[in-house]
Amino acid sequence: MKTKISTCILAKNEEKNIRDCILSVKDFSEEIIVIDNGSTDNTPEICKDLGCCVIEKSSGTESELRNEYIKRAKNPWIFVIDADERVDIAFGNLDNYLANQNAEIYRFPVNNYYGSGKWCTFIKGLLFKKENMAYKGEVHCTLSFSGKYTFGFIPVVVHHLDALIKERAEGKRDKYIKNLEEQIEDPQYKEQKLRLINYLGVEWMAVGDYEKAQMCFEQVKNVDNFYQNLAKVYYCQSLIMQKRYSDVFEIMRSIIYKCPTDGTNIIIGKDTVPSLTDDLFQRCCVILAEAHYQIHEIENALYWTNQAIFTWPFASQHYINRKLLMDRFGKNDEEDICRAKELNSYLLRKEIYAMGDTINIYAFQTSLLQDTSKILEGLREQV
């Protein structure tokens, strides 16, 4: 029996982006709901032409607007996507993924492209059961739920193009910093304070204020809490940006408690959610590979890249990273590049090779080693 899904989109002035978004989800969506947040362009008309249910709502916080589509959805399952995102063509039949898992919330890897073919990947909960779900927060709002929920993982990439849309990502930064600072001081967000401080650090990284960013990350990483290890990852990524490679290793050791060479029994901090554990671990692998690579320890960089591939074999970035490292050993095998292209259809799409906004939250979180630029340039020439 086919799973009944309501796909929900929040949009404003997205006439250049929303068509591709809708077409990418149409095959598995029984209904598509678009909350139009006061568009002055043709966004509502495009959505209606494609068979979407368009709800006009010109005011409200992000959480209020997203909660509106949860309320309006007819089906028990909700898939959330933004207008500047597209589900990869490899998605196929959703029920094939759900058949082997019994979860209420499913996370997906999201490739956040920021220019010149590069991106950072992190996971987001995009598919969930409607019951007892709601969004909270005004900036970087998060999905909250009551009761006990289990998490699943679907290894199909969602492509996010936000930072490639000129003057959009950059324009958000001042607004987000101001709103996050206000929320951190607001008693009603007390339970979310450490999460918000982490996000504030990410915003300071985007505008190049490493000192303020690290102060935020230190507040979170030095306290035993759910967001502690993520703060350590962010902190190490900021160290990479400052070329402080030797400082990275000690912090990474505090995250990776156990990592045998066969890749089994990987434990990250105190997190027991497998998809979160794997996501943090593959991020750590990229950080360690970069740090070793920059001090000319290529064999160690290759070790951590292979660990990343073992953990996330569906992630194209790790094969591109391995191609770079194997080239340093004089092994010019194209197998990894072929595999990367199979896994990521957007490697042969010209839009990801555009110059994105330089002020964005993704570049410092990059999933690609710095010297992969020449490999990506070679891929761009194949487009």
Protein backbone atom coordinates (compact mmCIF):
# COMPACT_ATOMS: atom_id res chain seq x y z
CA MET A 1 0.00 0.00 0.00
CA LYS A 2 1.41 3.38 -1.03
CA THR A 3 2.27 5.74 1.82
CA LYS A 4 0.05 8.83 1.73
CA ILE A 5 2.21 11.94 1.95
CA SER A 6 1.42 15.64 2.06
CA THR A 7 4.42 17.61 0.82
CA CYS A 8 4.57 21.07 2.37
CA ILE A 9 6.43 24.13 1.10
CA LEU A 10 6.83 27.62 2.59
CA ALA A 11 7.52 30.17 -0.16
CA LYS A 12 7.78 33.86 -0.94
CA ASN A 13 8.76 35.28 -4.34
CA GLU A 14 10.17 31.98 -5.56
CA GLU A 15 9.00 32.04 -9.19
CA LYS A 16 12.53 31.19 -10.42
CA ASN A 17 12.95 28.21 -8.09
CA ILE A 18 9.68 26.61 -7.09
CA ARG A 19 8.84 24.76 -10.32
CA ASP A 20 11.89 22.46 -10.09
CA CYS A 21 11.18 21.91 -6.39
CA ILE A 22 7.58 20.82 -7.01
CA LEU A 23 8.50 18.58 -9.94
CA SER A 24 11.06 16.78 -7.77
CA VAL A 25 8.42 15.73 -5.20
CA LYS A 26 5.33 15.30 -7.40
CA ASP A 27 5.69 11.55 -7.97
CA PHE A 28 5.50 10.57 -4.29
CA SER A 29 3.15 13.32 -3.01
CA GLU A 30 -0.60 12.76 -2.78
CA GLU A 31 -1.01 16.47 -2.17
CA ILE A 32 1.35 19.47 -2.22
CA ILE A 33 0.56 22.39 0.07
CA VAL A 34 2.25 25.74 -0.48
CA ILE A 35 2.03 28.42 2.19
CA ASP A 36 2.61 31.61 0.21
CA ASN A 37 4.06 34.25 2.52
CA GLY A 38 3.00 37.36 0.58
CA SER A 39 4.61 36.81 -2.83
CA THR A 40 4.52 39.72 -5.27
CA ASP A 41 5.68 37.63 -8.24
CA ASN A 42 4.13 34.63 -10.02
CA THR A 43 4.88 32.06 -7.32
CA PRO A 44 1.20 31.33 -6.45
CA GLU A 45 0.19 30.97 -10.10
CA ILE A 46 3.05 28.56 -10.87
CA CYS A 47 2.09 26.42 -7.87
CA LYS A 48 -1.58 26.33 -8.83
CA ASP A 49 -0.72 25.40 -12.43
CA LEU A 50 1.23 22.43 -11.06
CA GLY A 51 -1.76 21.24 -9.02
CA CYS A 52 -0.69 22.52 -5.60
CA CYS A 53 -3.01 23.73 -2.85
CA VAL A 54 -1.91 27.34 -2.27
CA ILE A 55 -2.71 29.03 1.04
CA GLU A 56 -2.11 32.77 1.23
CA LYS A 57 -0.66 33.84 4.58
CA SER A 58 1.29 37.09 4.49
CA SER A 59 2.22 37.38 8.17
CA GLY A 60 3.57 35.19 10.97
CA THR A 61 6.86 33.80 12.23
CA GLU A 62 8.54 30.96 10.38
CA SER A 63 7.29 28.48 12.97
CA GLU A 64 3.72 29.79 12.75
CA LEU A 65 3.75 29.53 8.96
CA ARG A 66 5.17 25.99 8.99
CA ASN A 67 2.67 24.92 11.64
CA GLU A 68 -0.08 26.16 9.34
CA TYR A 69 0.77 23.59 6.69
CA ILE A 70 0.96 20.84 9.29
CA LYS A 71 -2.56 21.79 10.39
CA ARG A 72 -3.86 21.86 6.79
CA ALA A 73 -2.28 18.59 5.66
CA LYS A 74 -4.79 15.80 4.96
CA ASN A 75 -2.41 12.85 5.16
CA PRO A 76 -0.73 11.13 8.12
CA TRP A 77 2.77 11.71 6.70
CA ILE A 78 4.33 15.10 5.94
CA PHE A 79 7.37 15.77 3.77
CA VAL A 80 8.85 19.25 4.16
CA ILE A 81 10.92 20.95 1.50
CA ASP A 82 11.81 24.56 0.69
CA ALA A 83 11.44 26.17 -2.72
CA ASP A 84 15.21 26.28 -3.25
CA GLU A 85 15.56 22.55 -2.54
CA ARG A 86 15.10 19.53 -4.83
CA VAL A 87 14.94 15.82 -4.06
CA ASP A 88 17.49 13.86 -6.09
CA ILE A 89 16.23 11.80 -8.99
CA ALA A 90 17.55 8.70 -7.20
CA PHE A 91 14.68 8.89 -4.67
CA GLY A 92 12.54 6.32 -6.50
CA ASN A 93 9.81 4.55 -4.54
CA LEU A 94 9.59 5.94 -1.02
CA ASP A 95 7.90 2.81 0.30
CA ASN A 96 11.04 0.81 -0.47
CA TYR A 97 12.85 2.87 2.17
CA LEU A 98 10.04 2.81 4.73
CA ALA A 99 9.48 -0.95 4.48
CA ASN A 100 12.67 -1.79 6.38
CA GLN A 101 12.36 0.90 9.05
CA ASN A 102 9.74 1.62 11.67
CA ALA A 103 10.18 5.27 12.59
CA GLU A 104 8.12 8.41 13.04
CA ILE A 105 10.73 10.90 11.78
CA TYR A 106 13.08 10.34 8.85
CA ARG A 107 16.23 12.35 8.27
CA PHE A 108 17.76 13.02 4.86
CA PRO A 109 21.25 14.23 3.87
CA VAL A 110 21.05 17.76 2.45
CA ASN A 111 23.77 19.10 0.13
CA ASN A 112 24.01 22.84 0.71
CA TYR A 113 25.82 24.25 -2.34
CA TYR A 114 27.70 27.51 -1.86
CA GLY A 115 29.55 28.04 -5.15
CA SER A 116 32.23 26.69 -7.50
CA GLY A 117 30.77 23.20 -7.19
CA LYS A 118 31.36 22.88 -3.44
CA TRP A 119 28.88 22.08 -0.71
CA CYS A 120 28.47 21.00 2.89
CA THR A 121 26.20 18.15 3.90
CA PHE A 122 24.19 17.75 7.07
CA ILE A 123 21.03 15.87 7.91
CA LYS A 124 17.52 17.25 8.40
CA GLY A 125 14.27 15.68 9.54
CA LEU A 126 12.09 16.15 6.46
CA LEU A 127 9.59 13.29 6.57
CA PHE A 128 7.50 12.74 9.68
CA LYS A 129 4.16 11.60 11.01
CA LYS A 130 1.82 14.54 11.47
CA GLU A 131 0.52 13.57 14.90
CA ASN A 132 1.88 15.65 17.82
CA MET A 133 4.39 17.55 15.67
CA ALA A 134 5.00 21.32 15.70
CA TYR A 135 7.73 23.82 14.87
CA LYS A 136 9.26 26.13 17.47
CA GLY A 137 11.54 29.17 17.22
CA GLU A 138 11.76 32.22 14.97
CA VAL A 139 15.17 31.69 13.32
CA HIS A 140 16.45 28.22 12.36
CA CYS A 141 13.19 26.90 13.78
CA THR A 142 13.19 23.27 14.79
CA LEU A 143 10.65 20.47 14.71
CA SER A 144 9.46 19.48 18.17
CA PHE A 145 7.28 16.59 19.22
CA SER A 146 5.54 15.23 22.26
CA GLY A 147 5.79 11.62 23.27
CA LYS A 148 8.43 9.08 22.34
CA TYR A 149 9.54 9.05 18.71
CA THR A 150 12.02 6.94 16.80
CA PHE A 151 14.21 8.24 14.00
CA GLY A 152 14.94 6.70 10.63
CA PHE A 153 17.31 7.66 7.86
CA ILE A 154 16.82 7.77 4.08
CA PRO A 155 20.14 8.10 2.21
CA VAL A 156 18.79 10.08 -0.74
CA VAL A 157 20.23 13.56 -1.18
CA VAL A 158 18.20 16.75 -1.13
CA HIS A 159 19.95 19.53 -3.08
CA HIS A 160 19.81 23.00 -1.51
CA LEU A 161 20.66 25.99 -3.72
CA ASP A 162 20.02 28.92 -1.33
CA ALA A 163 23.58 30.33 -1.30
CA LEU A 164 23.73 30.26 -5.12
CA ILE A 165 20.88 32.77 -5.36
CA LYS A 166 22.60 36.15 -5.45
CA GLU A 167 22.20 38.52 -2.49
CA ARG A 168 19.83 36.18 -0.68
CA ALA A 169 22.04 34.28 1.77
CA GLU A 170 24.07 37.41 2.53
CA GLY A 171 20.97 39.47 3.24
CA LYS A 172 19.85 37.07 5.98
CA ARG A 173 22.87 37.32 8.22
CA ASP A 174 22.28 40.62 10.08
CA LYS A 175 18.61 39.77 10.58
CA TYR A 176 19.38 36.29 11.89
CA ILE A 177 22.11 37.48 14.26
CA LYS A 178 19.79 40.10 15.76
CA ASN A 179 16.90 37.65 16.15
CA LEU A 180 19.08 34.92 17.65
CA GLU A 181 20.58 37.32 20.20
CA GLU A 182 17.05 38.35 21.23
CA GLN A 183 15.85 34.74 21.51
CA ILE A 184 18.86 33.73 23.62
CA GLU A 185 17.90 36.38 26.19
CA ASP A 186 14.19 35.53 26.05
CA PRO A 187 13.08 33.27 28.97
CA GLN A 188 10.54 31.46 26.78
CA TYR A 189 13.45 29.97 24.77
CA LYS A 190 15.37 28.84 27.87
CA GLU A 191 15.22 25.15 26.92
CA GLN A 192 16.59 25.93 23.46
CA LYS A 193 19.29 28.35 24.62
CA LEU A 194 22.33 26.17 23.88
CA ARG A 195 21.00 25.24 20.44
CA LEU A 196 20.45 28.92 19.68
CA ILE A 197 23.96 29.85 20.88
CA ASN A 198 25.36 27.23 18.50
CA TYR A 199 23.39 28.75 15.62
CA LEU A 200 24.57 32.24 16.60
CA GLY A 201 28.15 30.99 16.37
CA VAL A 202 27.42 29.66 12.89
CA GLU A 203 26.09 33.09 11.87
CA TRP A 204 29.21 34.82 13.22
CA MET A 205 31.33 32.38 11.20
CA ALA A 206 29.39 33.35 8.08
CA VAL A 207 30.33 37.02 8.47
CA GLY A 208 33.94 36.18 9.33
CA ASP A 209 33.95 37.09 13.03
CA TYR A 210 35.82 34.00 14.25
CA GLU A 211 36.36 35.38 17.76
CA LYS A 212 32.63 35.83 18.46
CA ALA A 213 31.85 32.52 16.79
CA GLN A 214 34.33 30.61 18.96
CA MET A 215 33.00 32.28 22.10
CA CYS A 216 29.58 30.87 21.23
CA PHE A 217 30.90 27.39 20.46
CA GLU A 218 32.95 27.36 23.67
CA GLN A 219 29.83 28.12 25.74
CA VAL A 220 28.17 25.01 24.35
CA LYS A 221 31.11 22.62 24.00
CA ASN A 222 32.25 23.07 27.59
CA VAL A 223 28.88 22.00 29.07
CA ASP A 224 27.51 18.46 29.09
CA ASN A 225 24.48 18.75 26.79
CA PHE A 226 22.88 17.32 23.64
CA TYR A 227 24.55 19.94 21.40
CA GLN A 228 28.03 19.64 22.91
CA ASN A 229 29.61 17.48 20.22
CA LEU A 230 28.13 19.54 17.41
CA ALA A 231 29.63 22.64 19.02
CA LYS A 232 33.01 20.88 19.05
CA VAL A 233 32.62 20.10 15.35
CA TYR A 234 31.79 23.73 14.59
CA TYR A 235 34.74 24.86 16.73
CA CYS A 236 37.13 22.59 14.84
CA GLN A 237 35.75 23.80 11.51
CA SER A 238 36.53 27.36 12.64
CA LEU A 239 40.07 26.25 13.49
CA ILE A 240 40.46 24.81 9.99
CA MET A 241 39.42 28.18 8.54
CA GLN A 242 42.18 29.81 10.61
CA LYS A 243 44.74 27.15 9.58
CA ARG A 244 45.18 26.05 13.21
CA TYR A 245 45.41 22.41 12.22
CA SER A 246 47.37 21.07 15.19
CA ASP A 247 44.67 22.31 17.59
CA VAL A 248 42.06 20.16 15.88
CA PHE A 249 43.31 16.73 16.90
CA GLU A 250 42.82 16.99 20.67
CA ILE A 251 39.23 18.20 20.31
CA MET A 252 38.45 15.47 17.78
CA ARG A 253 39.76 12.86 20.21
CA SER A 254 37.25 14.11 22.79
CA ILE A 255 34.42 13.37 20.34
CA ILE A 256 35.53 10.06 18.90
CA TYR A 257 35.64 7.69 21.86
CA LYS A 258 36.12 4.57 19.82
CA CYS A 259 36.95 4.07 16.15
CA PRO A 260 38.42 0.65 15.24
CA THR A 261 39.93 0.23 11.80
CA ASP A 262 37.11 -2.00 10.54
CA GLY A 263 34.62 0.84 11.08
CA THR A 264 32.39 -1.00 13.56
CA ASN A 265 31.12 0.19 16.93
CA ILE A 266 31.76 3.84 16.26
CA ILE A 267 30.63 5.86 19.25
CA ILE A 268 30.38 9.64 19.11
CA GLY A 269 30.15 11.24 22.52
CA LYS A 270 26.96 10.21 24.29
CA ASP A 271 24.69 10.35 21.26
CA THR A 272 22.80 7.11 20.72
CA VAL A 273 20.76 8.13 17.65
CA PRO A 274 22.44 6.24 14.78
CA SER A 275 21.76 8.78 12.01
CA LEU A 276 23.07 11.62 14.19
CA THR A 277 26.07 9.54 15.21
CA ASP A 278 26.94 8.77 11.59
CA ASP A 279 26.44 12.38 10.51
CA LEU A 280 28.72 13.73 13.23
CA PHE A 281 31.28 11.05 12.53
CA GLN A 282 31.49 11.72 8.79
CA ARG A 283 31.89 15.44 9.54
CA CYS A 284 34.71 14.60 11.94
CA CYS A 285 36.33 12.48 9.23
CA VAL A 286 36.41 15.43 6.81
CA ILE A 287 37.87 17.72 9.49
CA LEU A 288 40.57 15.19 10.38
CA ALA A 289 41.34 14.48 6.73
CA GLU A 290 41.75 18.21 6.05
CA ALA A 291 43.96 18.76 9.09
CA HIS A 292 46.23 15.81 8.21
CA TYR A 293 46.31 16.80 4.54
CA GLN A 294 47.39 20.35 5.33
CA ILE A 295 50.36 19.12 7.40
CA HIS A 296 51.28 16.68 4.59
CA GLU A 297 50.16 13.50 6.36
CA ILE A 298 48.44 12.12 3.28
CA GLU A 299 48.19 8.54 4.52
CA ASN A 300 46.32 9.66 7.65
CA ALA A 301 44.06 11.88 5.56
CA LEU A 302 43.25 8.89 3.37
CA TYR A 303 42.49 6.76 6.44
CA TRP A 304 39.84 9.20 7.66
CA THR A 305 38.39 9.61 4.18
CA ASN A 306 37.98 5.83 3.92
CA GLN A 307 36.26 5.86 7.32
CA ALA A 308 33.84 8.47 5.98
CA ILE A 309 33.07 6.31 2.95
CA PHE A 310 32.46 3.29 5.17
CA THR A 311 30.01 5.31 7.29
CA TRP A 312 28.27 7.23 4.48
CA PRO A 313 28.86 5.23 1.26
CA PHE A 314 26.11 7.21 -0.51
CA ALA A 315 27.87 10.60 -0.07
CA SER A 316 29.60 11.75 -3.27
CA GLN A 317 31.90 14.23 -1.52
CA HIS A 318 33.92 11.50 0.15
CA TYR A 319 34.77 9.88 -3.20
CA ILE A 320 35.90 13.26 -4.57
CA ASN A 321 38.07 13.71 -1.49
CA ARG A 322 39.57 10.24 -1.96
CA LYS A 323 40.28 11.01 -5.62
CA LEU A 324 42.35 14.02 -4.52
CA LEU A 325 44.32 11.96 -2.01
CA MET A 326 44.93 9.05 -4.38
CA ASP A 327 46.24 11.53 -6.96
CA ARG A 328 48.82 12.60 -4.38
CA PHE A 329 49.98 8.98 -4.31
CA GLY A 330 50.26 9.06 -8.11
CA LYS A 331 47.24 6.79 -8.63
CA ASN A 332 45.14 8.54 -11.26
CA ASP A 333 42.18 6.16 -11.13
CA GLU A 334 38.85 7.64 -12.25
CA GLU A 335 36.71 5.08 -10.39
CA ASP A 336 35.95 7.43 -7.48
CA ILE A 337 34.86 10.22 -9.82
CA CYS A 338 32.55 7.85 -11.68
CA ARG A 339 31.05 6.77 -8.37
CA ALA A 340 30.59 10.39 -7.26
CA LYS A 341 28.70 11.20 -10.47
CA GLU A 342 26.46 8.17 -9.99
CA LEU A 343 25.60 9.32 -6.46
CA ASN A 344 25.13 13.02 -7.15
CA SER A 345 23.33 13.98 -10.36
CA TYR A 346 23.99 17.65 -9.65
CA LEU A 347 27.71 17.23 -10.33
CA LEU A 348 26.71 17.47 -13.99
CA ARG A 349 24.41 20.49 -13.50
CA LYS A 350 25.88 23.88 -14.33
CA GLU A 351 24.04 25.79 -11.58
CA ILE A 352 26.19 24.41 -8.76
CA TYR A 353 29.35 25.77 -10.41
CA ALA A 354 28.15 29.38 -10.27
CA MET A 355 29.73 31.81 -7.83
CA GLY A 356 27.53 31.87 -4.76
CA ASP A 357 27.18 34.54 -2.09
CA THR A 358 30.52 34.74 -0.28
CA ILE A 359 28.77 35.42 3.03
CA ASN A 360 26.99 32.16 3.83
CA ILE A 361 26.81 29.62 6.64
CA TYR A 362 27.97 26.67 4.53
CA ALA A 363 31.53 27.38 3.36
CA PHE A 364 33.16 26.88 6.77
CA GLN A 365 31.22 23.62 7.18
CA THR A 366 32.44 22.32 3.81
CA SER A 367 32.33 18.59 3.12
CA LEU A 368 35.09 18.82 0.52
CA LEU A 369 38.81 19.14 1.07
CA GLN A 370 40.16 22.54 0.08
CA ASP A 371 42.30 21.31 -2.79
CA THR A 372 39.45 19.52 -4.59
CA SER A 373 38.83 22.67 -6.68
CA LYS A 374 40.72 21.32 -9.71
CA ILE A 375 38.73 18.08 -9.63
CA LEU A 376 35.49 20.06 -9.50
CA GLU A 377 36.67 22.25 -12.35
CA GLY A 378 37.19 19.08 -14.39
CA LEU A 379 33.64 18.00 -13.61
CA ARG A 380 32.30 21.43 -14.57
CA GLU A 381 33.91 21.05 -18.00
CA GLN A 382 31.87 17.87 -18.53
CA VAL A 383 28.56 19.77 -18.13
